[in-house]
N, C-alpha and C. Protein backbone atom coordinates (compact mmCIF):
# COMPACT_ATOMS: atom_id res chain seq x y z
N MET A 1 0.83 -1.18 0.00
CA MET A 1 0.00 0.00 0.00
C MET A 1 0.88 1.25 0.00
N PRO A 2 0.79 2.09 -1.02
CA PRO A 2 1.62 3.30 -1.12
C PRO A 2 1.31 4.26 0.02
N THR A 3 2.38 4.92 0.51
CA THR A 3 2.21 5.85 1.62
C THR A 3 2.12 7.30 1.16
N GLY A 4 2.39 7.56 -0.08
CA GLY A 4 2.30 8.92 -0.60
C GLY A 4 3.57 9.73 -0.39
N THR A 5 4.64 9.12 0.08
CA THR A 5 5.90 9.85 0.23
C THR A 5 6.69 9.76 -1.06
N SER A 6 7.50 10.77 -1.30
CA SER A 6 8.33 10.78 -2.50
C SER A 6 9.76 11.11 -2.11
N VAL A 7 10.65 10.73 -2.98
CA VAL A 7 12.07 11.00 -2.76
C VAL A 7 12.50 12.02 -3.79
N GLN A 8 13.14 13.05 -3.31
CA GLN A 8 13.62 14.09 -4.21
C GLN A 8 15.13 13.91 -4.37
N GLU A 9 15.58 13.90 -5.62
CA GLU A 9 17.00 13.71 -5.90
C GLU A 9 17.67 15.04 -6.14
N ARG A 10 18.95 15.14 -5.73
CA ARG A 10 19.73 16.34 -5.99
C ARG A 10 20.39 16.22 -7.35
N ASP A 11 20.29 17.26 -8.14
CA ASP A 11 20.90 17.26 -9.46
C ASP A 11 22.16 18.12 -9.53
N ASP A 12 22.48 18.82 -8.46
CA ASP A 12 23.59 19.77 -8.51
C ASP A 12 24.88 19.18 -7.93
N VAL A 13 25.31 18.08 -8.48
CA VAL A 13 26.55 17.45 -8.05
C VAL A 13 27.72 18.26 -8.59
N ARG A 14 28.64 18.63 -7.70
CA ARG A 14 29.79 19.42 -8.11
C ARG A 14 31.06 18.60 -7.91
N LEU A 15 31.76 18.42 -8.98
CA LEU A 15 33.01 17.67 -8.93
C LEU A 15 34.17 18.64 -8.89
N LYS A 16 35.17 18.34 -8.07
CA LYS A 16 36.37 19.17 -8.00
C LYS A 16 37.53 18.39 -8.62
N GLU A 17 38.35 19.11 -9.33
CA GLU A 17 39.57 18.52 -9.86
C GLU A 17 40.46 18.14 -8.68
N PRO A 18 41.17 17.03 -8.76
CA PRO A 18 42.08 16.67 -7.66
C PRO A 18 43.25 17.66 -7.61
N LYS A 19 43.77 17.89 -6.41
CA LYS A 19 44.95 18.73 -6.27
C LYS A 19 46.11 18.07 -7.01
N HIS A 20 47.00 18.89 -7.50
CA HIS A 20 48.17 18.37 -8.18
C HIS A 20 49.42 18.67 -7.36
N TYR A 21 50.42 17.83 -7.57
CA TYR A 21 51.66 17.92 -6.81
C TYR A 21 52.85 17.86 -7.77
N HIS A 22 53.87 18.65 -7.45
CA HIS A 22 55.11 18.63 -8.24
C HIS A 22 56.00 17.51 -7.73
N VAL A 23 56.61 16.81 -8.66
CA VAL A 23 57.69 15.88 -8.32
C VAL A 23 58.99 16.65 -8.55
N VAL A 24 59.77 16.78 -7.49
CA VAL A 24 61.01 17.56 -7.54
C VAL A 24 62.19 16.62 -7.42
N MET A 25 63.12 16.75 -8.36
CA MET A 25 64.35 15.96 -8.36
C MET A 25 65.46 16.84 -7.77
N HIS A 26 66.26 16.26 -6.86
CA HIS A 26 67.32 17.00 -6.19
C HIS A 26 68.69 16.51 -6.65
N ASN A 27 69.63 17.42 -6.71
CA ASN A 27 70.98 17.10 -7.14
C ASN A 27 71.77 16.44 -6.01
N ASP A 28 72.68 15.57 -6.38
CA ASP A 28 73.67 15.04 -5.45
C ASP A 28 74.96 14.84 -6.24
N ASP A 29 76.04 14.56 -5.55
CA ASP A 29 77.34 14.45 -6.20
C ASP A 29 77.70 13.04 -6.65
N PHE A 30 76.77 12.08 -6.50
CA PHE A 30 77.11 10.69 -6.77
C PHE A 30 76.28 10.04 -7.87
N THR A 31 75.02 10.41 -7.99
CA THR A 31 74.16 9.81 -9.01
C THR A 31 74.61 10.29 -10.38
N THR A 32 74.79 9.36 -11.30
CA THR A 32 75.30 9.74 -12.62
C THR A 32 74.23 10.46 -13.45
N MET A 33 74.72 11.28 -14.34
CA MET A 33 73.81 12.01 -15.24
C MET A 33 73.06 11.04 -16.14
N GLU A 34 73.72 9.98 -16.55
CA GLU A 34 73.09 8.98 -17.41
C GLU A 34 71.92 8.30 -16.69
N PHE A 35 72.12 8.00 -15.42
CA PHE A 35 71.05 7.38 -14.64
C PHE A 35 69.85 8.32 -14.52
N VAL A 36 70.10 9.59 -14.26
CA VAL A 36 69.03 10.58 -14.14
C VAL A 36 68.26 10.67 -15.45
N VAL A 37 68.95 10.74 -16.56
CA VAL A 37 68.29 10.81 -17.87
C VAL A 37 67.44 9.57 -18.11
N GLU A 38 67.97 8.41 -17.76
CA GLU A 38 67.22 7.16 -17.94
C GLU A 38 65.94 7.16 -17.10
N ILE A 39 66.01 7.64 -15.87
CA ILE A 39 64.83 7.73 -15.00
C ILE A 39 63.81 8.69 -15.61
N LEU A 40 64.27 9.82 -16.09
CA LEU A 40 63.35 10.81 -16.68
C LEU A 40 62.66 10.26 -17.92
N MET A 41 63.36 9.46 -18.69
CA MET A 41 62.76 8.90 -19.91
C MET A 41 61.84 7.72 -19.59
N SER A 42 62.26 6.83 -18.70
CA SER A 42 61.49 5.61 -18.47
C SER A 42 60.32 5.80 -17.51
N ILE A 43 60.48 6.59 -16.48
CA ILE A 43 59.41 6.75 -15.49
C ILE A 43 58.56 7.99 -15.76
N PHE A 44 59.19 9.06 -16.23
CA PHE A 44 58.47 10.32 -16.43
C PHE A 44 58.14 10.58 -17.90
N GLN A 45 58.43 9.62 -18.77
CA GLN A 45 58.09 9.67 -20.19
C GLN A 45 58.56 10.95 -20.90
N LYS A 46 59.77 11.39 -20.55
CA LYS A 46 60.36 12.54 -21.24
C LYS A 46 61.13 12.03 -22.45
N ASP A 47 61.14 12.83 -23.52
CA ASP A 47 61.98 12.44 -24.65
C ASP A 47 63.43 12.75 -24.30
N ALA A 48 64.35 12.30 -25.13
CA ALA A 48 65.78 12.42 -24.82
C ALA A 48 66.20 13.87 -24.60
N ALA A 49 65.73 14.78 -25.43
CA ALA A 49 66.11 16.20 -25.31
C ALA A 49 65.57 16.81 -24.03
N ALA A 50 64.30 16.54 -23.71
CA ALA A 50 63.70 17.08 -22.48
C ALA A 50 64.38 16.49 -21.25
N ALA A 51 64.69 15.20 -21.28
CA ALA A 51 65.36 14.56 -20.16
C ALA A 51 66.74 15.16 -19.94
N GLN A 52 67.47 15.38 -21.02
CA GLN A 52 68.80 15.99 -20.93
C GLN A 52 68.71 17.39 -20.34
N GLU A 53 67.74 18.18 -20.79
CA GLU A 53 67.57 19.55 -20.29
C GLU A 53 67.22 19.57 -18.80
N LEU A 54 66.30 18.69 -18.40
CA LEU A 54 65.93 18.62 -16.98
C LEU A 54 67.11 18.16 -16.12
N MET A 55 67.86 17.20 -16.60
CA MET A 55 69.04 16.72 -15.87
C MET A 55 70.03 17.87 -15.66
N LEU A 56 70.24 18.66 -16.70
CA LEU A 56 71.16 19.80 -16.58
C LEU A 56 70.62 20.86 -15.62
N GLN A 57 69.32 21.06 -15.63
CA GLN A 57 68.71 22.02 -14.70
C GLN A 57 68.92 21.55 -13.25
N VAL A 58 68.73 20.27 -13.00
CA VAL A 58 68.97 19.72 -11.66
C VAL A 58 70.44 19.91 -11.29
N HIS A 59 71.33 19.63 -12.22
CA HIS A 59 72.76 19.73 -11.97
C HIS A 59 73.18 21.17 -11.67
N ARG A 60 72.66 22.13 -12.42
CA ARG A 60 73.05 23.53 -12.28
C ARG A 60 72.35 24.25 -11.13
N LYS A 61 71.07 23.99 -10.95
CA LYS A 61 70.29 24.72 -9.95
C LYS A 61 70.07 23.96 -8.64
N GLY A 62 70.42 22.67 -8.64
CA GLY A 62 70.26 21.88 -7.42
C GLY A 62 68.94 21.15 -7.32
N ARG A 63 67.98 21.51 -8.16
CA ARG A 63 66.66 20.85 -8.14
C ARG A 63 65.88 21.29 -9.36
N ALA A 64 64.86 20.49 -9.71
CA ALA A 64 63.98 20.83 -10.82
C ALA A 64 62.67 20.08 -10.66
N VAL A 65 61.58 20.71 -11.07
CA VAL A 65 60.28 20.04 -11.12
C VAL A 65 60.29 19.21 -12.40
N VAL A 66 60.11 17.91 -12.25
CA VAL A 66 60.17 17.01 -13.41
C VAL A 66 58.79 16.52 -13.85
N GLY A 67 57.75 16.88 -13.10
CA GLY A 67 56.39 16.51 -13.48
C GLY A 67 55.40 16.98 -12.44
N THR A 68 54.13 17.09 -12.85
CA THR A 68 53.05 17.49 -11.96
C THR A 68 51.91 16.50 -12.14
N TYR A 69 51.48 15.90 -11.03
CA TYR A 69 50.51 14.80 -11.08
C TYR A 69 49.59 14.85 -9.86
N PRO A 70 48.49 14.09 -9.90
CA PRO A 70 47.72 13.88 -8.67
C PRO A 70 48.63 13.18 -7.65
N PHE A 71 48.32 13.32 -6.38
CA PHE A 71 49.18 12.87 -5.29
C PHE A 71 49.61 11.40 -5.42
N ASP A 72 48.69 10.50 -5.65
CA ASP A 72 49.02 9.07 -5.70
C ASP A 72 49.98 8.75 -6.84
N ILE A 73 49.77 9.37 -7.98
CA ILE A 73 50.66 9.14 -9.13
C ILE A 73 52.04 9.71 -8.85
N ALA A 74 52.10 10.92 -8.28
CA ALA A 74 53.38 11.53 -7.94
C ALA A 74 54.17 10.63 -6.98
N CYS A 75 53.52 10.14 -5.95
CA CYS A 75 54.19 9.27 -4.97
C CYS A 75 54.65 7.96 -5.58
N THR A 76 53.86 7.40 -6.47
CA THR A 76 54.23 6.16 -7.14
C THR A 76 55.48 6.36 -8.00
N LYS A 77 55.53 7.45 -8.75
CA LYS A 77 56.69 7.72 -9.59
C LYS A 77 57.95 7.93 -8.75
N VAL A 78 57.83 8.64 -7.64
CA VAL A 78 58.97 8.85 -6.75
C VAL A 78 59.44 7.50 -6.18
N GLN A 79 58.50 6.67 -5.78
CA GLN A 79 58.86 5.36 -5.23
C GLN A 79 59.56 4.49 -6.27
N LEU A 80 59.06 4.48 -7.50
CA LEU A 80 59.71 3.70 -8.56
C LEU A 80 61.14 4.19 -8.80
N ALA A 81 61.32 5.50 -8.90
CA ALA A 81 62.64 6.06 -9.16
C ALA A 81 63.59 5.78 -7.99
N THR A 82 63.11 5.93 -6.78
CA THR A 82 63.94 5.69 -5.60
C THR A 82 64.34 4.22 -5.49
N THR A 83 63.44 3.34 -5.80
CA THR A 83 63.74 1.91 -5.76
C THR A 83 64.85 1.57 -6.76
N ARG A 84 64.75 2.11 -7.97
CA ARG A 84 65.79 1.87 -8.98
C ARG A 84 67.13 2.44 -8.53
N ALA A 85 67.08 3.64 -7.93
CA ALA A 85 68.31 4.28 -7.48
C ALA A 85 68.99 3.47 -6.39
N ARG A 86 68.23 2.98 -5.45
CA ARG A 86 68.80 2.19 -4.35
C ARG A 86 69.39 0.88 -4.89
N ALA A 87 68.73 0.29 -5.86
CA ALA A 87 69.25 -0.94 -6.47
C ALA A 87 70.58 -0.68 -7.17
N ALA A 88 70.74 0.53 -7.70
CA ALA A 88 71.98 0.90 -8.37
C ALA A 88 72.98 1.56 -7.41
N LYS A 89 72.64 1.61 -6.11
CA LYS A 89 73.51 2.16 -5.05
C LYS A 89 73.72 3.67 -5.19
N PHE A 90 72.69 4.40 -5.68
CA PHE A 90 72.76 5.85 -5.77
C PHE A 90 71.95 6.49 -4.65
N PRO A 91 72.41 7.64 -4.11
CA PRO A 91 71.67 8.34 -3.06
C PRO A 91 70.60 9.29 -3.63
N PHE A 92 70.24 9.08 -4.84
CA PHE A 92 69.24 9.86 -5.60
C PHE A 92 68.04 10.21 -4.71
N ARG A 93 67.57 11.48 -4.80
CA ARG A 93 66.46 11.91 -3.95
C ARG A 93 65.44 12.72 -4.75
N MET A 94 64.17 12.41 -4.51
CA MET A 94 63.06 13.15 -5.10
C MET A 94 62.06 13.43 -3.99
N THR A 95 61.32 14.53 -4.14
CA THR A 95 60.28 14.87 -3.17
C THR A 95 59.00 15.23 -3.93
N VAL A 96 57.90 15.25 -3.17
CA VAL A 96 56.59 15.63 -3.71
C VAL A 96 56.16 16.90 -2.97
N GLU A 97 55.81 17.94 -3.73
CA GLU A 97 55.39 19.21 -3.15
C GLU A 97 54.07 19.63 -3.75
N GLU A 98 53.23 20.27 -2.95
CA GLU A 98 51.95 20.74 -3.48
C GLU A 98 52.19 21.79 -4.57
N ALA A 99 51.48 21.65 -5.67
CA ALA A 99 51.66 22.57 -6.81
C ALA A 99 50.98 23.91 -6.55
């Protein structure tokens, strides 16, 4: 037996873009330039010229933003790069900063 009640639905759903975070690569005196370029190409999908330019920016300025991603993706890329660096015995360091 119907009770006469109705359900009203909300149509004004508002979606927000996720916050983005910079992945920052830091310079050190031990990690090779070749290793840095390889990381930039394989994990951050940079072409050879862009990877070379970013590597030089890290070398000259001490750090560079190498990509901007949602938080989970940024952290995953940093973890992949750090794992490879540790396997190769490099003290390579990257951080995630709010964009």
